[in-house]
Amino acid sequence: MPQPRKRARRYDSEKTRAAVTAQFAHVREAVEGLTPEQLALPTRLGEWTVRELAAHIALVLRSVVRGVAAPEPAARDVVLLDWPAATRGFAGAVDEDTRELAEWADEAGGGLRELYARTAEEFAGALAAAPDERLIVTRFGGMPLGDFLVTRTVELTVHTDDLNAAAGLAVPHDRQALAACTRVLADALASKAPGGSVELRVPPYAVVQCVEGPRHTRGTPPNVVETDPLTWARLATGRTPWREALAEARLRASGDRADLAPWLPVLG
């Protein structure tokens, strides 16, 4: 029997806005200190160097600025739980926009430092100009600003981790941004693989049930997957393979159904 679609959880507007602002500020401080040699380093994102990755992180917020500045769309086209799967169809457009922004930063003078300063200022203005419920234009279609800001916590958290891995940095993760990212990706898994036979635990931020099969009603469920937030983000976005995380003891999986590999990644 088909499982009913789960209702998206609610996110605190003030905390989400503060989290996105704080995480971008952490990245901005790190990017402003990167050397030319670090900017030329490869990343785990195809052909992107650290330079393109840094430009893309700015694009994550500039998409909010662009969306608020555009006329309000007539309809809501995508809901929060559909967003992770929707990203798969836009990889080419994202790559093109990122490279154009990186080139613009170089040609305009001031480079990434000026790009980040301008982005932070314009993003603050966009937040002040629009309430969460306002529909904005995104590359995925019309979305409420509040929902789109939640997706920005995922982008910023994941790409901060990419930046740290590529450039040997230790840019901190804002706690609220990491929490929202963890919950969105956990809920996306539960939506992609509905059911109650497996419990995914990502303490201290998320617990969801997923995967069709026998549902437990009390006590410890027979199938449990547990990991930390950053490992979960890497699994959910395809940056870490399931078997690698198991082999390195970065996740615990118990029970004959506790293999989530067939449903990963959840974000393209």
Protein backbone atom coordinates (compact mmCIF):
# COMPACT_ATOMS: atom_id res chain seq x y z
CA MET A 1 0.00 0.00 0.00
CA PRO A 2 1.49 3.42 -0.91
CA GLN A 3 2.80 5.44 2.00
CA PRO A 4 1.20 8.86 2.53
CA ARG A 5 3.44 11.79 1.64
CA LYS A 6 5.02 13.29 4.72
CA ARG A 7 4.40 16.93 5.51
CA ALA A 8 7.50 19.11 5.41
CA ARG A 9 8.68 20.21 8.82
CA ARG A 10 8.60 23.87 9.74
CA TYR A 11 11.77 25.95 10.04
CA ASP A 12 12.20 28.99 12.23
CA SER A 13 12.49 32.00 9.93
CA GLU A 14 14.71 34.09 12.17
CA LYS A 15 17.11 31.20 12.80
CA THR A 16 17.29 30.27 9.12
CA ARG A 17 18.04 33.82 8.01
CA ALA A 18 20.69 34.18 10.71
CA ALA A 19 22.21 30.80 9.83
CA VAL A 20 22.59 31.60 6.14
CA THR A 21 24.11 34.99 6.94
CA ALA A 22 26.50 33.50 9.51
CA GLN A 23 27.69 30.65 7.30
CA PHE A 24 28.38 32.97 4.40
CA ALA A 25 30.35 35.22 6.75
CA HIS A 26 32.50 32.25 7.83
CA VAL A 27 33.24 31.40 4.19
CA ARG A 28 33.88 35.03 3.28
CA GLU A 29 36.56 35.35 5.95
CA ALA A 30 38.30 32.24 4.65
CA VAL A 31 38.01 33.15 0.96
CA GLU A 32 39.49 36.59 1.55
CA GLY A 33 42.62 34.90 2.90
CA LEU A 34 43.14 32.42 0.06
CA THR A 35 46.39 32.65 -1.88
CA PRO A 36 46.59 32.37 -5.68
CA GLU A 37 48.07 28.91 -5.20
CA GLN A 38 45.10 27.81 -3.07
CA LEU A 39 42.60 29.27 -5.54
CA ALA A 40 44.14 27.12 -8.28
CA LEU A 41 43.79 23.87 -6.32
CA PRO A 42 41.43 21.18 -7.65
CA THR A 43 38.20 20.27 -5.84
CA ARG A 44 36.06 17.14 -5.71
CA LEU A 45 33.54 18.93 -7.97
CA GLY A 46 34.62 17.91 -11.44
CA GLU A 47 36.75 20.51 -13.18
CA TRP A 48 36.12 23.29 -10.67
CA THR A 49 39.10 24.74 -8.90
CA VAL A 50 38.81 26.43 -5.52
CA ARG A 51 38.31 29.68 -7.46
CA GLU A 52 35.14 28.37 -9.14
CA LEU A 53 33.94 26.82 -5.90
CA ALA A 54 34.32 30.13 -4.10
CA ALA A 55 32.42 31.90 -6.87
CA HIS A 56 29.67 29.29 -6.65
CA ILE A 57 29.26 29.87 -2.91
CA ALA A 58 28.65 33.54 -3.68
CA LEU A 59 26.16 32.46 -6.34
CA VAL A 60 24.24 30.53 -3.67
CA LEU A 61 23.28 33.86 -2.07
CA ARG A 62 23.10 35.83 -5.29
CA SER A 63 20.30 33.51 -6.38
CA VAL A 64 18.28 34.85 -3.45
CA VAL A 65 19.06 38.43 -4.44
CA ARG A 66 18.02 37.72 -8.02
CA GLY A 67 14.85 35.94 -6.95
CA VAL A 68 13.67 38.75 -4.70
CA ALA A 69 14.44 41.40 -7.33
CA ALA A 70 12.39 39.66 -10.03
CA PRO A 71 8.60 40.03 -10.30
CA GLU A 72 6.74 37.61 -8.06
CA PRO A 73 5.81 34.43 -9.97
CA ALA A 74 2.16 33.51 -10.33
CA ALA A 75 2.40 30.07 -8.77
CA ARG A 76 4.44 27.86 -6.49
CA ASP A 77 6.14 25.25 -8.68
CA VAL A 78 8.27 23.27 -6.22
CA VAL A 79 7.98 22.33 -2.55
CA LEU A 80 10.90 21.97 -0.18
CA LEU A 81 10.96 18.16 -0.14
CA ASP A 82 11.06 18.08 -3.96
CA TRP A 83 14.01 20.45 -4.18
CA PRO A 84 16.85 17.90 -3.66
CA ALA A 85 15.73 15.76 -6.61
CA ALA A 86 14.98 18.85 -8.73
CA THR A 87 18.62 19.95 -8.57
CA ARG A 88 19.74 17.10 -10.84
CA GLY A 89 18.40 18.74 -13.96
CA PHE A 90 20.33 21.99 -13.58
CA ALA A 91 23.98 20.94 -13.24
CA GLY A 92 24.92 22.37 -16.62
CA ALA A 93 23.26 25.73 -15.97
CA VAL A 94 24.86 25.95 -12.52
CA ASP A 95 28.30 25.25 -13.98
CA GLU A 96 27.85 27.91 -16.65
CA ASP A 97 26.61 30.54 -14.19
CA THR A 98 29.45 29.77 -11.78
CA ARG A 99 32.15 30.16 -14.42
CA GLU A 100 30.62 33.40 -15.68
CA LEU A 101 30.53 34.81 -12.15
CA ALA A 102 34.15 33.82 -11.50
CA GLU A 103 35.22 35.52 -14.73
CA TRP A 104 33.17 38.62 -13.91
CA ALA A 105 34.86 38.85 -10.50
CA ASP A 106 38.28 38.78 -12.13
CA GLU A 107 37.41 41.29 -14.85
CA ALA A 108 35.54 43.74 -12.61
CA GLY A 109 38.52 44.31 -10.35
CA GLY A 110 38.68 43.37 -6.72
CA GLY A 111 38.19 39.69 -7.49
CA LEU A 112 36.46 37.44 -5.00
CA ARG A 113 36.90 39.93 -2.17
CA GLU A 114 34.74 42.50 -3.95
CA LEU A 115 32.27 39.83 -5.08
CA TYR A 116 31.75 38.62 -1.52
CA ALA A 117 31.41 42.14 -0.11
CA ARG A 118 28.81 43.08 -2.72
CA THR A 119 26.96 39.77 -2.26
CA ALA A 120 26.76 40.16 1.52
CA GLU A 121 25.38 43.69 1.18
CA GLU A 122 22.82 42.82 -1.49
CA PHE A 123 21.72 39.69 0.35
CA ALA A 124 21.05 41.69 3.51
CA GLY A 125 18.96 44.08 1.43
CA ALA A 126 17.00 41.21 -0.12
CA LEU A 127 16.18 39.75 3.30
CA ALA A 128 14.94 43.12 4.50
CA ALA A 129 12.79 43.57 1.40
CA ALA A 130 10.74 40.36 1.42
CA PRO A 131 8.89 38.18 3.95
CA ASP A 132 9.29 34.40 3.98
CA GLU A 133 5.90 33.74 2.40
CA ARG A 134 6.62 35.79 -0.72
CA LEU A 135 7.08 33.64 -3.83
CA ILE A 136 10.37 34.27 -5.59
CA VAL A 137 11.85 33.21 -8.91
CA THR A 138 14.38 30.36 -8.69
CA ARG A 139 15.90 28.18 -11.38
CA PHE A 140 13.58 25.41 -10.15
CA GLY A 141 10.43 27.53 -10.43
CA GLY A 142 8.45 29.60 -7.97
CA MET A 143 9.24 28.96 -4.28
CA PRO A 144 8.46 30.80 -1.07
CA LEU A 145 11.48 32.77 0.06
CA GLY A 146 11.48 30.95 3.41
CA ASP A 147 11.75 27.54 1.74
CA PHE A 148 14.45 28.74 -0.62
CA LEU A 149 16.49 30.06 2.30
CA VAL A 150 16.34 26.61 3.89
CA THR A 151 17.83 25.16 0.69
CA ARG A 152 20.64 27.69 1.00
CA THR A 153 21.65 26.13 4.33
CA VAL A 154 22.21 22.87 2.47
CA GLU A 155 24.25 24.51 -0.28
CA LEU A 156 26.38 26.51 2.14
CA THR A 157 26.99 23.58 4.50
CA VAL A 158 27.95 21.17 1.75
CA HIS A 159 30.15 23.63 -0.13
CA THR A 160 31.89 24.79 3.04
CA ASP A 161 32.86 21.16 3.50
CA ASP A 162 34.04 21.04 -0.13
CA LEU A 163 36.14 24.15 0.44
CA ASN A 164 37.73 22.75 3.58
CA ALA A 165 38.57 19.50 1.80
CA ALA A 166 40.08 21.21 -1.24
CA ALA A 167 42.07 24.00 0.38
CA GLY A 168 43.00 22.37 3.68
CA LEU A 169 40.92 24.84 5.67
CA ALA A 170 38.85 24.55 8.83
CA VAL A 171 35.99 26.93 8.06
CA PRO A 172 33.46 26.42 10.88
CA HIS A 173 29.89 25.28 10.32
CA ASP A 174 27.17 27.40 11.84
CA ARG A 175 25.15 25.13 14.14
CA GLN A 176 21.74 26.25 12.84
CA ALA A 177 22.83 25.92 9.21
CA LEU A 178 24.16 22.42 9.85
CA ALA A 179 20.96 21.46 11.67
CA ALA A 180 18.70 22.64 8.85
CA CYS A 181 20.89 20.96 6.22
CA THR A 182 20.79 17.67 8.13
CA ARG A 183 17.01 17.77 8.48
CA VAL A 184 16.31 18.67 4.86
CA LEU A 185 18.47 15.82 3.57
CA ALA A 186 17.05 13.32 6.09
CA ASP A 187 13.49 14.29 5.18
CA ALA A 188 14.37 14.02 1.49
CA LEU A 189 15.47 10.43 2.07
CA ALA A 190 12.23 9.65 3.91
CA SER A 191 10.32 11.14 0.99
CA LYS A 192 12.33 9.22 -1.62
CA ALA A 193 12.15 5.91 0.28
CA PRO A 194 8.92 6.12 2.31
CA GLY A 195 8.27 3.51 4.96
CA GLY A 196 9.01 2.61 8.55
CA SER A 197 11.39 -0.34 8.51
CA VAL A 198 14.62 1.65 8.94
CA GLU A 199 15.37 4.46 11.37
CA LEU A 200 17.99 6.98 10.33
CA ARG A 201 19.52 8.82 13.27
CA VAL A 202 21.75 11.86 12.79
CA PRO A 203 22.22 13.18 16.32
CA PRO A 204 21.61 15.73 17.56
CA TYR A 205 19.53 17.06 14.65
CA ALA A 206 17.36 14.46 12.96
CA VAL A 207 15.61 11.11 13.28
CA VAL A 208 13.46 9.79 10.41
CA GLN A 209 11.91 6.49 9.44
CA CYS A 210 12.20 5.29 5.89
CA VAL A 211 12.23 2.26 3.55
CA GLU A 212 9.17 0.15 2.92
CA GLY A 213 8.78 -2.95 5.10
CA PRO A 214 7.70 -4.01 8.59
CA ARG A 215 7.13 -1.02 10.84
CA HIS A 216 8.26 -1.13 14.45
CA THR A 217 5.99 0.38 17.10
CA ARG A 218 7.99 0.32 20.31
CA GLY A 219 11.50 -0.09 21.65
CA THR A 220 14.64 -0.11 19.54
CA PRO A 221 13.84 -0.67 15.86
CA PRO A 222 15.47 -3.73 14.23
CA ASN A 223 17.09 -1.64 11.46
CA VAL A 224 19.06 1.43 12.50
CA VAL A 225 21.48 3.68 10.65
CA GLU A 226 23.35 6.26 12.70
CA THR A 227 25.98 8.79 11.67
CA ASP A 228 27.15 12.34 12.31
CA PRO A 229 25.79 15.39 10.45
CA LEU A 230 28.72 16.01 8.09
CA THR A 231 29.04 12.34 7.16
CA TRP A 232 25.32 12.31 6.46
CA ALA A 233 25.63 15.40 4.25
CA ARG A 234 28.45 13.71 2.32
CA LEU A 235 26.45 10.50 1.91
CA ALA A 236 23.27 12.33 0.91
CA THR A 237 25.09 14.35 -1.76
CA GLY A 238 27.22 11.54 -3.15
CA ARG A 239 30.52 12.85 -1.86
CA THR A 240 31.15 9.76 0.27
CA PRO A 241 30.12 6.28 -0.91
CA TRP A 242 28.10 4.15 1.52
CA ARG A 243 30.69 1.36 1.66
CA GLU A 244 33.52 3.79 2.30
CA ALA A 245 31.71 5.36 5.27
CA LEU A 246 30.99 1.90 6.66
CA ALA A 247 34.58 0.74 6.22
CA GLU A 248 35.90 3.84 7.97
CA ALA A 249 33.38 3.45 10.82
CA ARG A 250 31.81 6.82 10.11
CA LEU A 251 28.36 5.27 10.24
CA ARG A 252 26.73 2.37 12.06
CA ALA A 253 24.18 0.19 10.29
CA SER A 254 22.43 -2.67 12.08
CA GLY A 255 19.71 -4.95 10.74
CA ASP A 256 19.21 -6.79 7.47
CA ARG A 257 17.44 -3.80 5.87
CA ALA A 258 19.86 -1.14 7.10
CA ASP A 259 21.51 -0.49 3.74
CA LEU A 260 20.55 2.90 2.37
CA ALA A 261 22.91 2.78 -0.61
CA PRO A 262 20.09 2.13 -3.16
CA TRP A 263 18.47 5.48 -2.24
CA LEU A 264 21.64 7.60 -2.12
CA PRO A 265 22.39 10.27 -3.04
CA VAL A 266 19.21 12.22 -2.44
CA LEU A 267 20.62 15.47 -3.81
CA GLY A 268 21.91 15.47 -7.36
